[in-house]
Structure formats: C-alpha cells, structure tokens
C-alpha cells in the first residue's frame, strides 16, 4: 500500500511537541482521531452549545486516550517514566500551536490536565484527568455549514495558563470538529518545577 493511501492527516500539536509528534511519523501523529466530547464515553450525542453540529462518535476508551484508540499508536498509551517532558511552571502561560494538514470547521479546543494525585504508573484514564478543561477556546458561529469563519488559521496558536501542579503531569488537548463526529487527541508531557 502506498503512503498516500494510509495518510489520515488532519492536525497535531507541533509546539511544544506533543508525545505523538515526538514518537510517531508525521502522518501518524496528525491522524489521532476519535469521537469528540471527551470525557464523554458514548457516541451519538449532540453538542449542547451547537446542536446542529454533527453528533459525536464514541470518544476513545480509558487506557487508549493518548492513541485515540488507534492500533498504530498504541505505544503512546504505555505508562512510562521516560517520555520526553517539557519543563514548565505553575501559573506560567504556555503557548500551544496546532498545525493542520486538513483543516475542518472547528467548534472548540479543550485543554485538560491530570489531577494532582494522578498515578503515572497506570494508563491514562478519565479518572486521571480533571473532569473539566482548565482552558477552552470555542468558536460561536452557527450553523457550521453557513459559517466560513469556523475554519481555523493554520497554524492556530493558543496561550494557556497552567494550573498549580508539581512534578510530572500530562496535558491533553482535544480539537473538536463541527462538521464531523470527530475530535483529534494530543497529549503533552510536562515537568512542573519550582
């Protein structure tokens, strides 16, 4: 099979480098796609903010969040202490850049962080993350099919202020698409100092 037939390229966090962009091939890291509305577990749900958006597919199951449930990326789900980490500080603004290979009309980006008492020795699960995003960027235009301003700039940059944490934590960013049932999953490994 040629590479062009296996390139599910859509988007990834390029700065700071996500776990996927460090450890996978470029086309793989930009294709970590699963159902939107994490931390939901069920598919077929309407967006409460934009009910005309395409309903979601089921988000990735616990233990397969970093890989978005995709077999080719299963190594990203392993609980390891040696993931490459970015040094940060609590309260610091962290610029995050999403780069797109195939932009979609976008409803939002959600940014989650692991709980203070999370266990890095077990696979990532919903219970490991705070239940609400600590930062959200939402596009308000509706309905999506009549709103050209829902296509994000490429690249798109956000500045998120990191919550209080110490030591190793995982940031999960989910790009939620308005015109499909999907979201794109990217985890960033952080080492909080100070």
C-alpha atoms as a PDB file:
ATOM      1  CA  UNK A   1       0.000   0.000   0.000  1.00  0.00           C
ATOM      2  CA  UNK A   2       1.392   3.411  -0.873  1.00  0.00           C
ATOM      3  CA  UNK A   3       1.842   6.016   1.799  1.00  0.00           C
ATOM      4  CA  UNK A   4      -0.748   8.306   0.187  1.00  0.00           C
ATOM      5  CA  UNK A   5      -3.434   5.679   0.839  1.00  0.00           C
ATOM      6  CA  UNK A   6      -2.660   5.480   4.561  1.00  0.00           C
ATOM      7  CA  UNK A   7      -2.287   9.139   5.454  1.00  0.00           C
ATOM      8  CA  UNK A   8      -5.162  10.157   7.744  1.00  0.00           C
ATOM      9  CA  UNK A   9      -3.595  13.603   8.118  1.00  0.00           C
ATOM     10  CA  UNK A  10      -5.598  16.270   9.879  1.00  0.00           C
ATOM     11  CA  UNK A  11      -3.858  18.100  12.734  1.00  0.00           C
ATOM     12  CA  UNK A  12      -1.461  17.922  15.652  1.00  0.00           C
ATOM     13  CA  UNK A  13       0.150  19.955  18.393  1.00  0.00           C
ATOM     14  CA  UNK A  14       3.502  20.934  16.939  1.00  0.00           C
ATOM     15  CA  UNK A  15       4.725  23.279  19.715  1.00  0.00           C
ATOM     16  CA  UNK A  16       5.514  22.286  22.351  1.00  0.00           C
ATOM     17  CA  UNK A  17       5.995  18.929  20.693  1.00  0.00           C
ATOM     18  CA  UNK A  18       3.247  16.501  21.624  1.00  0.00           C
ATOM     19  CA  UNK A  19       4.025  12.911  22.553  1.00  0.00           C
ATOM     20  CA  UNK A  20       2.703  11.867  19.145  1.00  0.00           C
ATOM     21  CA  UNK A  21       4.865  14.320  17.222  1.00  0.00           C
ATOM     22  CA  UNK A  22       7.963  13.122  19.089  1.00  0.00           C
ATOM     23  CA  UNK A  23       7.387   9.376  18.826  1.00  0.00           C
ATOM     24  CA  UNK A  24       5.338   8.819  15.644  1.00  0.00           C
ATOM     25  CA  UNK A  25       5.781   9.563  11.950  1.00  0.00           C
ATOM     26  CA  UNK A  26       4.289  12.889  10.875  1.00  0.00           C
ATOM     27  CA  UNK A  27       1.276  11.442   9.073  1.00  0.00           C
ATOM     28  CA  UNK A  28       0.523   9.230  12.081  1.00  0.00           C
ATOM     29  CA  UNK A  29       0.771  11.999  14.676  1.00  0.00           C
ATOM     30  CA  UNK A  30      -1.673  14.192  12.724  1.00  0.00           C
ATOM     31  CA  UNK A  31      -4.261  11.409  12.470  1.00  0.00           C
ATOM     32  CA  UNK A  32      -5.074  10.679  16.131  1.00  0.00           C
ATOM     33  CA  UNK A  33      -8.799  10.970  15.547  1.00  0.00           C
ATOM     34  CA  UNK A  34     -11.650   9.556  17.634  1.00  0.00           C
ATOM     35  CA  UNK A  35     -15.067  10.694  18.811  1.00  0.00           C
ATOM     36  CA  UNK A  36     -15.398  14.207  20.203  1.00  0.00           C
ATOM     37  CA  UNK A  37     -16.774  15.383  23.579  1.00  0.00           C
ATOM     38  CA  UNK A  38     -14.143  13.840  25.895  1.00  0.00           C
ATOM     39  CA  UNK A  39     -14.609  12.937  28.774  1.00  0.00           C
ATOM     40  CA  UNK A  40     -17.915  11.555  27.476  1.00  0.00           C
ATOM     41  CA  UNK A  41     -17.894   7.827  26.763  1.00  0.00           C
ATOM     42  CA  UNK A  42     -20.947   7.484  24.499  1.00  0.00           C
ATOM     43  CA  UNK A  43     -21.421   8.326  20.843  1.00  0.00           C
ATOM     44  CA  UNK A  44     -24.478   9.910  19.217  1.00  0.00           C
ATOM     45  CA  UNK A  45     -24.525  12.983  21.464  1.00  0.00           C
ATOM     46  CA  UNK A  46     -25.420  16.471  20.273  1.00  0.00           C
ATOM     47  CA  UNK A  47     -23.214  19.428  21.145  1.00  0.00           C
ATOM     48  CA  UNK A  48     -25.055  21.318  23.928  1.00  0.00           C
ATOM     49  CA  UNK A  49     -23.679  24.632  22.623  1.00  0.00           C
ATOM     50  CA  UNK A  50     -24.223  23.934  18.906  1.00  0.00           C
ATOM     51  CA  UNK A  51     -26.962  21.289  18.484  1.00  0.00           C
ATOM     52  CA  UNK A  52     -26.787  21.427  14.666  1.00  0.00           C
ATOM     53  CA  UNK A  53     -23.158  20.242  14.664  1.00  0.00           C
ATOM     54  CA  UNK A  54     -22.572  16.635  13.638  1.00  0.00           C
ATOM     55  CA  UNK A  55     -23.220  14.267  16.556  1.00  0.00           C
ATOM     56  CA  UNK A  56     -20.209  12.531  18.027  1.00  0.00           C
ATOM     57  CA  UNK A  57     -18.723   9.086  17.629  1.00  0.00           C
ATOM     58  CA  UNK A  58     -17.688   7.427  20.883  1.00  0.00           C
ATOM     59  CA  UNK A  59     -14.513   9.001  22.329  1.00  0.00           C
ATOM     60  CA  UNK A  60     -11.522   6.732  22.982  1.00  0.00           C
ATOM     61  CA  UNK A  61     -11.852   4.308  25.898  1.00  0.00           C
ATOM     62  CA  UNK A  62      -9.841   4.613  29.098  1.00  0.00           C
ATOM     63  CA  UNK A  63      -6.322   3.335  28.622  1.00  0.00           C
ATOM     64  CA  UNK A  64      -6.334   4.412  24.947  1.00  0.00           C
ATOM     65  CA  UNK A  65      -6.645   8.180  25.266  1.00  0.00           C
ATOM     66  CA  UNK A  66      -3.149   9.122  24.075  1.00  0.00           C
ATOM     67  CA  UNK A  67      -3.509   6.899  20.983  1.00  0.00           C
ATOM     68  CA  UNK A  68      -7.127   7.966  20.333  1.00  0.00           C
ATOM     69  CA  UNK A  69      -7.812   4.217  20.312  1.00  0.00           C
ATOM     70  CA  UNK A  70      -5.790   3.641  17.129  1.00  0.00           C
ATOM     71  CA  UNK A  71      -3.743   0.448  16.889  1.00  0.00           C
ATOM     72  CA  UNK A  72      -0.798   2.061  15.097  1.00  0.00           C
ATOM     73  CA  UNK A  73      -0.312   4.472  18.017  1.00  0.00           C
ATOM     74  CA  UNK A  74      -0.789   2.034  20.924  1.00  0.00           C
ATOM     75  CA  UNK A  75       2.760   2.698  22.184  1.00  0.00           C
ATOM     76  CA  UNK A  76       1.584   6.202  23.199  1.00  0.00           C
ATOM     77  CA  UNK A  77      -0.705   4.643  25.828  1.00  0.00           C
ATOM     78  CA  UNK A  78       2.101   2.937  27.757  1.00  0.00           C
ATOM     79  CA  UNK A  79       2.677   4.264  31.289  1.00  0.00           C
ATOM     80  CA  UNK A  80       6.369   5.176  31.144  1.00  0.00           C
ATOM     81  CA  UNK A  81       8.588   7.428  33.203  1.00  0.00           C
ATOM     82  CA  UNK A  82      10.882   8.289  30.302  1.00  0.00           C
ATOM     83  CA  UNK A  83       8.534  10.218  27.997  1.00  0.00           C
ATOM     84  CA  UNK A  84      10.260  13.373  26.793  1.00  0.00           C
ATOM     85  CA  UNK A  85       8.930  16.158  29.022  1.00  0.00           C
ATOM     86  CA  UNK A  86       8.758  19.935  28.634  1.00  0.00           C
ATOM     87  CA  UNK A  87       9.860  21.932  31.678  1.00  0.00           C
ATOM     88  CA  UNK A  88       7.149  24.378  32.818  1.00  0.00           C
ATOM     89  CA  UNK A  89       5.987  26.230  35.941  1.00  0.00           C
ATOM     90  CA  UNK A  90       2.558  26.543  37.531  1.00  0.00           C
ATOM     91  CA  UNK A  91       0.836  29.778  36.579  1.00  0.00           C
ATOM     92  CA  UNK A  92       3.015  30.208  33.500  1.00  0.00           C
ATOM     93  CA  UNK A  93       1.424  30.988  30.129  1.00  0.00           C
ATOM     94  CA  UNK A  94       2.212  28.111  27.779  1.00  0.00           C
ATOM     95  CA  UNK A  95       1.904  28.830  24.043  1.00  0.00           C
ATOM     96  CA  UNK A  96       0.432  25.840  22.190  1.00  0.00           C
ATOM     97  CA  UNK A  97       0.448  25.581  18.402  1.00  0.00           C
ATOM     98  CA  UNK A  98      -1.896  23.363  16.417  1.00  0.00           C
ATOM     99  CA  UNK A  99      -0.773  22.704  12.831  1.00  0.00           C
ATOM    100  CA  UNK A 100      -3.291  21.391  10.312  1.00  0.00           C
ATOM    101  CA  UNK A 101      -2.885  19.170   7.272  1.00  0.00           C
ATOM    102  CA  UNK A 102      -6.631  19.109   6.534  1.00  0.00           C
ATOM    103  CA  UNK A 103      -8.454  21.922   8.344  1.00  0.00           C
ATOM    104  CA  UNK A 104     -12.062  21.330   9.378  1.00  0.00           C
ATOM    105  CA  UNK A 105     -14.744  23.688  10.557  1.00  0.00           C
ATOM    106  CA  UNK A 106     -13.936  23.795  14.241  1.00  0.00           C
ATOM    107  CA  UNK A 107     -16.189  24.117  17.247  1.00  0.00           C
ATOM    108  CA  UNK A 108     -13.583  24.185  20.026  1.00  0.00           C
ATOM    109  CA  UNK A 109     -10.293  23.139  21.570  1.00  0.00           C
ATOM    110  CA  UNK A 110     -10.341  21.755  25.128  1.00  0.00           C
ATOM    111  CA  UNK A 111      -7.280  21.542  27.358  1.00  0.00           C
ATOM    112  CA  UNK A 112      -7.301  19.075  30.262  1.00  0.00           C
ATOM    113  CA  UNK A 113      -4.619  18.358  32.882  1.00  0.00           C
ATOM    114  CA  UNK A 114      -4.031  15.344  35.073  1.00  0.00           C
ATOM    115  CA  UNK A 115      -5.213  15.582  38.683  1.00  0.00           C
ATOM    116  CA  UNK A 116      -2.733  16.466  41.393  1.00  0.00           C
ATOM    117  CA  UNK A 117      -2.895  12.887  42.745  1.00  0.00           C
ATOM    118  CA  UNK A 118      -2.794  11.064  39.390  1.00  0.00           C
ATOM    119  CA  UNK A 119      -0.792   7.859  39.045  1.00  0.00           C
ATOM    120  CA  UNK A 120       1.717   7.923  36.163  1.00  0.00           C
ATOM    121  CA  UNK A 121       2.294   4.170  36.575  1.00  0.00           C
ATOM    122  CA  UNK A 122      -1.090   3.212  35.077  1.00  0.00           C
ATOM    123  CA  UNK A 123      -2.547   4.005  31.630  1.00  0.00           C
ATOM    124  CA  UNK A 124      -4.296   7.350  31.182  1.00  0.00           C
ATOM    125  CA  UNK A 125      -7.991   7.239  32.046  1.00  0.00           C
ATOM    126  CA  UNK A 126     -10.734   9.773  32.589  1.00  0.00           C
ATOM    127  CA  UNK A 127     -10.244   9.402  36.342  1.00  0.00           C
ATOM    128  CA  UNK A 128      -6.631  10.577  35.896  1.00  0.00           C
ATOM    129  CA  UNK A 129      -7.727  13.935  34.443  1.00  0.00           C
ATOM    130  CA  UNK A 130      -9.632  16.848  35.934  1.00  0.00           C
ATOM    131  CA  UNK A 131     -13.234  16.464  34.697  1.00  0.00           C
ATOM    132  CA  UNK A 132     -13.387  19.955  33.173  1.00  0.00           C
ATOM    133  CA  UNK A 133     -10.906  21.604  30.818  1.00  0.00           C
ATOM    134  CA  UNK A 134      -8.712  24.214  32.503  1.00  0.00           C
ATOM    135  CA  UNK A 135      -8.747  26.156  29.214  1.00  0.00           C
ATOM    136  CA  UNK A 136     -11.219  26.197  26.336  1.00  0.00           C
ATOM    137  CA  UNK A 137     -11.313  28.054  23.027  1.00  0.00           C
ATOM    138  CA  UNK A 138     -14.779  27.922  21.476  1.00  0.00           C
ATOM    139  CA  UNK A 139     -15.998  29.198  18.114  1.00  0.00           C
ATOM    140  CA  UNK A 140     -19.532  30.528  18.368  1.00  0.00           C
ATOM    141  CA  UNK A 141     -20.714  30.818  14.734  1.00  0.00           C
ATOM    142  CA  UNK A 142     -23.739  28.661  13.888  1.00  0.00           C
ATOM    143  CA  UNK A 143     -24.853  26.730  11.930  1.00  0.00           C
ATOM    144  CA  UNK A 144     -21.490  25.345  10.883  1.00  0.00           C
ATOM    145  CA  UNK A 145     -22.413  24.914   7.196  1.00  0.00           C
ATOM    146  CA  UNK A 146     -23.082  28.653   6.842  1.00  0.00           C
ATOM    147  CA  UNK A 147     -20.065  29.821   8.841  1.00  0.00           C
ATOM    148  CA  UNK A 148     -16.809  30.083   6.918  1.00  0.00           C
ATOM    149  CA  UNK A 149     -15.110  31.681   9.935  1.00  0.00           C
ATOM    150  CA  UNK A 150     -15.090  28.287  11.696  1.00  0.00           C
ATOM    151  CA  UNK A 151     -12.084  27.168   9.618  1.00  0.00           C
ATOM    152  CA  UNK A 152      -9.060  27.835  11.861  1.00  0.00           C
ATOM    153  CA  UNK A 153      -5.926  29.661  10.847  1.00  0.00           C
ATOM    154  CA  UNK A 154      -3.049  27.353  10.012  1.00  0.00           C
ATOM    155  CA  UNK A 155      -1.246  27.239  12.331  1.00  0.00           C
ATOM    156  CA  UNK A 156      -3.510  28.156  15.255  1.00  0.00           C
ATOM    157  CA  UNK A 157      -1.882  29.351  18.467  1.00  0.00           C
ATOM    158  CA  UNK A 158      -3.387  29.409  21.950  1.00  0.00           C
ATOM    159  CA  UNK A 159      -1.847  30.616  25.187  1.00  0.00           C
ATOM    160  CA  UNK A 160      -2.989  28.574  28.173  1.00  0.00           C
ATOM    161  CA  UNK A 161      -2.170  29.441  31.779  1.00  0.00           C
ATOM    162  CA  UNK A 162      -1.047  26.297  33.538  1.00  0.00           C
ATOM    163  CA  UNK A 163      -2.753  25.392  36.830  1.00  0.00           C
ATOM    164  CA  UNK A 164      -0.977  24.659  40.100  1.00  0.00           C
ATOM    165  CA  UNK A 165       0.920  21.390  39.812  1.00  0.00           C
ATOM    166  CA  UNK A 166       4.246  19.876  40.870  1.00  0.00           C
ATOM    167  CA  UNK A 167       6.320  17.229  39.139  1.00  0.00           C
ATOM    168  CA  UNK A 168       5.224  15.184  36.144  1.00  0.00           C
ATOM    169  CA  UNK A 169       1.791  15.799  34.602  1.00  0.00           C
ATOM    170  CA  UNK A 170       0.067  15.227  31.270  1.00  0.00           C
ATOM    171  CA  UNK A 171      -1.795  17.880  29.320  1.00  0.00           C
ATOM    172  CA  UNK A 172      -4.482  16.571  26.946  1.00  0.00           C
ATOM    173  CA  UNK A 173      -5.617  18.805  24.091  1.00  0.00           C
ATOM    174  CA  UNK A 174      -8.676  17.840  22.044  1.00  0.00           C
ATOM    175  CA  UNK A 175      -9.554  19.660  18.803  1.00  0.00           C
ATOM    176  CA  UNK A 176     -13.319  19.190  18.254  1.00  0.00           C
ATOM    177  CA  UNK A 177     -14.678  19.461  14.731  1.00  0.00           C
ATOM    178  CA  UNK A 178     -18.115  20.907  13.977  1.00  0.00           C
ATOM    179  CA  UNK A 179     -18.706  19.215  10.611  1.00  0.00           C
ATOM    180  CA  UNK A 180     -17.698  15.651  11.570  1.00  0.00           C
ATOM    181  CA  UNK A 181     -18.229  13.326  14.538  1.00  0.00           C
ATOM    182  CA  UNK A 182     -14.537  13.512  15.441  1.00  0.00           C
ATOM    183  CA  UNK A 183     -12.013  15.121  17.693  1.00  0.00           C
ATOM    184  CA  UNK A 184      -8.213  14.958  17.467  1.00  0.00           C
ATOM    185  CA  UNK A 185      -6.275  13.907  20.561  1.00  0.00           C
ATOM    186  CA  UNK A 186      -2.810  15.118  21.540  1.00  0.00           C
ATOM    187  CA  UNK A 187      -1.015  14.655  24.859  1.00  0.00           C
ATOM    188  CA  UNK A 188       1.918  16.745  26.022  1.00  0.00           C
ATOM    189  CA  UNK A 189       4.188  15.546  28.812  1.00  0.00           C
ATOM    190  CA  UNK A 190       5.099  18.299  31.280  1.00  0.00           C
ATOM    191  CA  UNK A 191       7.521  18.555  34.189  1.00  0.00           C
ATOM    192  CA  UNK A 192       6.449  21.258  36.637  1.00  0.00           C
ATOM    193  CA  UNK A 193       9.332  22.851  38.544  1.00  0.00           C
ATOM    194  CA  UNK A 194       9.546  25.469  41.250  1.00  0.00           C
END
